Amino acid sequence: MPNPDLRPPSPVPGPPSHRPAPLLLSVISPSGTLFSGPVDSVVIPAWDGLMGVLPGHAPLLALLRPGTVNARTGDKTNAFQVTGGFADVGPTHVRLIADSATQA
């Protein structure tokens, strides 16, 4: 008979898992707000390389390098070109304060 202490734990009872709440993405430049809305994920050109952000991400500030921001919602992807700036990332938001930004 197997030792009961070596059995894998049984699933935790509770509600079924669900899709997390989307991130609120804001792309802001000196000329105004280019985009503000919910997205499922964002890939940003951080100074040290590309950084993917999902809901629940740990808070951080990052320096942006010139490149493309890809924001995904379902099967749709929105792309923005930025020339630098800062990213403010939190569990429920991503704010990109860009030197300049355009829709790609």
N, C-alpha and C. Protein backbone atom coordinates (compact mmCIF):
# COMPACT_ATOMS: atom_id res chain seq x y z
N MET A 1 0.85 -1.18 0.00
CA MET A 1 0.00 0.00 0.00
C MET A 1 0.89 1.24 0.00
N PRO A 2 0.63 2.22 -0.93
CA PRO A 2 1.48 3.41 -1.01
C PRO A 2 1.33 4.28 0.23
N ASN A 3 2.41 4.93 0.54
CA ASN A 3 2.42 5.86 1.67
C ASN A 3 1.55 7.07 1.32
N PRO A 4 0.53 7.42 2.12
CA PRO A 4 -0.37 8.53 1.78
C PRO A 4 0.36 9.87 1.72
N ASP A 5 1.52 9.98 2.40
CA ASP A 5 2.26 11.24 2.37
C ASP A 5 2.95 11.48 1.03
N LEU A 6 3.08 10.46 0.19
CA LEU A 6 3.78 10.59 -1.08
C LEU A 6 2.84 10.79 -2.26
N ARG A 7 1.55 10.81 -2.01
CA ARG A 7 0.59 11.03 -3.09
C ARG A 7 0.60 12.50 -3.50
N PRO A 8 0.36 12.77 -4.80
CA PRO A 8 0.28 14.18 -5.20
C PRO A 8 -0.91 14.85 -4.55
N PRO A 9 -0.81 16.14 -4.29
CA PRO A 9 -1.94 16.83 -3.65
C PRO A 9 -3.16 16.84 -4.56
N SER A 10 -4.32 16.78 -3.95
CA SER A 10 -5.54 16.84 -4.75
C SER A 10 -5.80 18.30 -5.13
N PRO A 11 -6.52 18.51 -6.23
CA PRO A 11 -6.77 19.89 -6.67
C PRO A 11 -7.47 20.71 -5.59
N VAL A 12 -7.15 21.98 -5.56
CA VAL A 12 -7.77 22.87 -4.59
C VAL A 12 -9.18 23.18 -5.05
N PRO A 13 -10.17 23.00 -4.17
CA PRO A 13 -11.54 23.31 -4.58
C PRO A 13 -11.70 24.82 -4.75
N GLY A 14 -12.61 25.19 -5.58
CA GLY A 14 -12.88 26.61 -5.79
C GLY A 14 -13.38 26.85 -7.19
N PRO A 15 -13.56 28.12 -7.55
CA PRO A 15 -14.09 28.43 -8.88
C PRO A 15 -13.07 28.08 -9.96
N PRO A 16 -13.54 27.74 -11.15
CA PRO A 16 -12.61 27.43 -12.24
C PRO A 16 -11.79 28.66 -12.58
N SER A 17 -10.57 28.41 -13.09
CA SER A 17 -9.73 29.55 -13.46
C SER A 17 -10.38 30.31 -14.60
N HIS A 18 -10.11 31.59 -14.67
CA HIS A 18 -10.69 32.43 -15.69
C HIS A 18 -9.62 33.31 -16.29
N ARG A 19 -9.95 33.93 -17.37
CA ARG A 19 -9.03 34.82 -18.06
C ARG A 19 -8.77 36.05 -17.18
N PRO A 20 -7.48 36.43 -16.99
CA PRO A 20 -7.22 37.59 -16.15
C PRO A 20 -7.74 38.88 -16.79
N ALA A 21 -7.96 39.87 -15.95
CA ALA A 21 -8.40 41.17 -16.45
C ALA A 21 -7.32 41.74 -17.37
N PRO A 22 -7.71 42.40 -18.44
CA PRO A 22 -6.71 42.95 -19.37
C PRO A 22 -5.92 44.09 -18.74
N LEU A 23 -4.78 44.39 -19.35
CA LEU A 23 -3.97 45.54 -18.97
C LEU A 23 -4.56 46.79 -19.61
N LEU A 24 -4.41 47.92 -18.95
CA LEU A 24 -4.76 49.18 -19.57
C LEU A 24 -3.47 49.76 -20.13
N LEU A 25 -3.37 49.84 -21.46
CA LEU A 25 -2.19 50.39 -22.13
C LEU A 25 -2.45 51.83 -22.51
N SER A 26 -1.50 52.71 -22.18
CA SER A 26 -1.53 54.10 -22.61
C SER A 26 -0.22 54.40 -23.32
N VAL A 27 -0.31 54.91 -24.55
CA VAL A 27 0.86 55.34 -25.31
C VAL A 27 0.75 56.86 -25.43
N ILE A 28 1.66 57.55 -24.75
CA ILE A 28 1.58 59.00 -24.62
C ILE A 28 2.86 59.63 -25.17
N SER A 29 2.69 60.70 -25.94
CA SER A 29 3.83 61.45 -26.47
C SER A 29 3.56 62.94 -26.23
N PRO A 30 4.54 63.80 -26.50
CA PRO A 30 4.30 65.24 -26.31
C PRO A 30 3.12 65.77 -27.13
N SER A 31 2.81 65.11 -28.25
CA SER A 31 1.69 65.59 -29.07
C SER A 31 0.34 65.08 -28.59
N GLY A 32 0.32 64.21 -27.58
CA GLY A 32 -0.95 63.73 -27.03
C GLY A 32 -0.96 62.23 -26.82
N THR A 33 -2.13 61.72 -26.47
CA THR A 33 -2.30 60.28 -26.24
C THR A 33 -2.61 59.60 -27.57
N LEU A 34 -1.72 58.71 -27.99
CA LEU A 34 -1.90 57.99 -29.24
C LEU A 34 -2.86 56.81 -29.07
N PHE A 35 -2.81 56.17 -27.91
CA PHE A 35 -3.67 55.00 -27.67
C PHE A 35 -3.91 54.89 -26.18
N SER A 36 -5.12 54.52 -25.81
CA SER A 36 -5.45 54.19 -24.43
C SER A 36 -6.58 53.19 -24.47
N GLY A 37 -6.32 51.98 -23.96
CA GLY A 37 -7.34 50.96 -23.97
C GLY A 37 -6.84 49.64 -23.42
N PRO A 38 -7.76 48.68 -23.26
CA PRO A 38 -7.39 47.38 -22.70
C PRO A 38 -6.68 46.50 -23.73
N VAL A 39 -5.66 45.77 -23.27
CA VAL A 39 -4.93 44.82 -24.10
C VAL A 39 -4.64 43.57 -23.27
N ASP A 40 -4.41 42.45 -23.95
CA ASP A 40 -4.09 41.20 -23.26
C ASP A 40 -2.60 41.10 -22.92
N SER A 41 -1.75 41.64 -23.79
CA SER A 41 -0.30 41.60 -23.56
C SER A 41 0.37 42.70 -24.36
N VAL A 42 1.58 43.07 -23.92
CA VAL A 42 2.35 44.11 -24.59
C VAL A 42 3.80 43.66 -24.65
N VAL A 43 4.45 43.91 -25.79
CA VAL A 43 5.90 43.71 -25.91
C VAL A 43 6.49 45.08 -26.20
N ILE A 44 7.40 45.51 -25.32
CA ILE A 44 7.98 46.85 -25.45
C ILE A 44 9.48 46.77 -25.68
N PRO A 45 10.03 47.74 -26.42
CA PRO A 45 11.48 47.77 -26.66
C PRO A 45 12.19 48.46 -25.50
N ALA A 46 12.45 47.70 -24.44
CA ALA A 46 13.18 48.25 -23.29
C ALA A 46 14.65 48.40 -23.66
N TRP A 47 15.36 49.22 -22.90
CA TRP A 47 16.76 49.52 -23.22
C TRP A 47 17.60 48.25 -23.28
N ASP A 48 17.34 47.28 -22.41
CA ASP A 48 18.13 46.05 -22.36
C ASP A 48 17.61 44.95 -23.27
N GLY A 49 16.54 45.20 -24.01
CA GLY A 49 15.97 44.20 -24.91
C GLY A 49 14.46 44.21 -24.85
N LEU A 50 13.84 43.35 -25.64
CA LEU A 50 12.38 43.29 -25.67
C LEU A 50 11.86 42.74 -24.35
N MET A 51 10.76 43.33 -23.86
CA MET A 51 10.17 42.92 -22.60
C MET A 51 8.69 42.66 -22.81
N GLY A 52 8.26 41.45 -22.48
CA GLY A 52 6.85 41.10 -22.56
C GLY A 52 6.16 41.38 -21.23
N VAL A 53 4.94 41.92 -21.31
CA VAL A 53 4.19 42.25 -20.10
C VAL A 53 2.81 41.61 -20.21
N LEU A 54 2.44 40.88 -19.16
CA LEU A 54 1.12 40.28 -19.03
C LEU A 54 0.44 40.84 -17.79
N PRO A 55 -0.88 40.69 -17.67
CA PRO A 55 -1.55 41.13 -16.45
C PRO A 55 -0.91 40.50 -15.21
N GLY A 56 -0.79 41.28 -14.16
CA GLY A 56 -0.19 40.78 -12.93
C GLY A 56 1.31 40.99 -12.84
N HIS A 57 1.90 41.67 -13.84
CA HIS A 57 3.35 41.89 -13.85
C HIS A 57 3.78 42.71 -12.63
N ALA A 58 4.97 42.44 -12.14
CA ALA A 58 5.51 43.21 -11.02
C ALA A 58 5.74 44.66 -11.46
N PRO A 59 5.54 45.60 -10.57
CA PRO A 59 5.76 47.01 -10.92
C PRO A 59 7.23 47.28 -11.26
N LEU A 60 7.44 48.12 -12.27
CA LEU A 60 8.80 48.53 -12.63
C LEU A 60 8.76 49.74 -13.53
N LEU A 61 9.89 50.42 -13.61
CA LEU A 61 10.10 51.50 -14.57
C LEU A 61 11.21 51.05 -15.49
N ALA A 62 11.06 51.32 -16.79
CA ALA A 62 12.07 50.90 -17.76
C ALA A 62 12.31 52.03 -18.75
N LEU A 63 13.53 52.12 -19.20
CA LEU A 63 13.90 53.07 -20.24
C LEU A 63 13.59 52.43 -21.59
N LEU A 64 12.93 53.17 -22.47
CA LEU A 64 12.60 52.66 -23.81
C LEU A 64 13.70 53.03 -24.78
N ARG A 65 13.97 52.14 -25.71
CA ARG A 65 14.85 52.44 -26.83
C ARG A 65 13.98 52.57 -28.07
N PRO A 66 14.49 53.15 -29.15
CA PRO A 66 13.68 53.23 -30.37
C PRO A 66 13.29 51.82 -30.84
N GLY A 67 12.04 51.67 -31.23
CA GLY A 67 11.57 50.36 -31.70
C GLY A 67 10.06 50.30 -31.78
N THR A 68 9.56 49.08 -31.90
CA THR A 68 8.13 48.82 -32.08
C THR A 68 7.52 48.25 -30.82
N VAL A 69 6.40 48.81 -30.42
CA VAL A 69 5.58 48.29 -29.33
C VAL A 69 4.48 47.46 -29.97
N ASN A 70 4.32 46.22 -29.54
CA ASN A 70 3.24 45.35 -30.04
C ASN A 70 2.27 45.07 -28.92
N ALA A 71 1.02 45.48 -29.11
CA ALA A 71 -0.04 45.28 -28.12
C ALA A 71 -1.04 44.29 -28.70
N ARG A 72 -1.27 43.21 -27.98
CA ARG A 72 -2.15 42.16 -28.49
C ARG A 72 -3.45 42.10 -27.67
N THR A 73 -4.56 42.03 -28.40
CA THR A 73 -5.88 41.82 -27.81
C THR A 73 -6.56 40.74 -28.62
N GLY A 74 -6.71 39.56 -28.01
CA GLY A 74 -7.27 38.43 -28.76
C GLY A 74 -6.38 38.10 -29.94
N ASP A 75 -6.94 38.09 -31.15
CA ASP A 75 -6.18 37.80 -32.36
C ASP A 75 -5.66 39.06 -33.04
N LYS A 76 -5.97 40.22 -32.49
CA LYS A 76 -5.58 41.49 -33.12
C LYS A 76 -4.32 42.05 -32.45
N THR A 77 -3.41 42.59 -33.27
CA THR A 77 -2.20 43.22 -32.77
C THR A 77 -2.15 44.66 -33.25
N ASN A 78 -1.95 45.59 -32.33
CA ASN A 78 -1.71 47.00 -32.65
C ASN A 78 -0.22 47.25 -32.48
N ALA A 79 0.37 47.97 -33.43
CA ALA A 79 1.80 48.27 -33.36
C ALA A 79 2.01 49.78 -33.35
N PHE A 80 2.99 50.20 -32.56
CA PHE A 80 3.35 51.60 -32.44
C PHE A 80 4.86 51.73 -32.52
N GLN A 81 5.33 52.75 -33.21
CA GLN A 81 6.76 53.05 -33.26
C GLN A 81 7.06 54.11 -32.21
N VAL A 82 8.07 53.86 -31.38
CA VAL A 82 8.50 54.85 -30.39
C VAL A 82 9.97 55.15 -30.63
N THR A 83 10.39 56.36 -30.26
CA THR A 83 11.79 56.74 -30.47
C THR A 83 12.56 56.81 -29.16
N GLY A 84 11.97 56.34 -28.09
CA GLY A 84 12.59 56.36 -26.77
C GLY A 84 11.58 56.86 -25.77
N GLY A 85 11.98 56.89 -24.50
CA GLY A 85 11.10 57.35 -23.45
C GLY A 85 11.16 56.43 -22.25
N PHE A 86 10.03 56.32 -21.54
CA PHE A 86 9.96 55.52 -20.33
C PHE A 86 8.72 54.64 -20.34
N ALA A 87 8.80 53.50 -19.65
CA ALA A 87 7.64 52.62 -19.46
C ALA A 87 7.38 52.50 -17.97
N ASP A 88 6.14 52.74 -17.58
CA ASP A 88 5.68 52.53 -16.21
C ASP A 88 4.78 51.31 -16.25
N VAL A 89 5.24 50.21 -15.64
CA VAL A 89 4.53 48.93 -15.69
C VAL A 89 4.00 48.60 -14.30
N GLY A 90 2.77 48.15 -14.26
CA GLY A 90 2.17 47.69 -13.01
C GLY A 90 1.32 46.47 -13.28
N PRO A 91 0.72 45.88 -12.25
CA PRO A 91 -0.08 44.67 -12.44
C PRO A 91 -1.28 44.86 -13.35
N THR A 92 -1.81 46.10 -13.44
CA THR A 92 -3.02 46.34 -14.23
C THR A 92 -2.82 47.36 -15.34
N HIS A 93 -1.59 47.90 -15.49
CA HIS A 93 -1.40 48.95 -16.49
C HIS A 93 0.02 48.94 -17.07
N VAL A 94 0.12 49.53 -18.26
CA VAL A 94 1.41 49.85 -18.89
C VAL A 94 1.24 51.25 -19.46
N ARG A 95 2.05 52.19 -18.97
CA ARG A 95 2.03 53.56 -19.49
C ARG A 95 3.36 53.82 -20.19
N LEU A 96 3.29 54.12 -21.45
CA LEU A 96 4.50 54.42 -22.23
C LEU A 96 4.54 55.92 -22.46
N ILE A 97 5.54 56.57 -21.90
CA ILE A 97 5.75 58.00 -22.08
C ILE A 97 6.88 58.12 -23.10
N ALA A 98 6.51 58.33 -24.35
CA ALA A 98 7.47 58.27 -25.45
C ALA A 98 7.94 59.66 -25.87
N ASP A 99 9.21 59.73 -26.33
CA ASP A 99 9.73 60.97 -26.90
C ASP A 99 8.88 61.35 -28.12
N SER A 100 8.56 60.34 -28.94
CA SER A 100 7.59 60.48 -30.03
C SER A 100 7.03 59.10 -30.31
N ALA A 101 5.80 59.06 -30.80
CA ALA A 101 5.15 57.78 -31.08
C ALA A 101 4.21 57.93 -32.26
N THR A 102 4.18 56.90 -33.09
CA THR A 102 3.27 56.86 -34.23
C THR A 102 2.67 55.47 -34.34
N GLN A 103 1.51 55.38 -34.97
CA GLN A 103 0.91 54.08 -35.27
C GLN A 103 1.74 53.42 -36.36
N ALA A 104 2.13 52.18 -36.16
CA ALA A 104 2.96 51.49 -37.16
C ALA A 104 2.10 50.75 -38.16
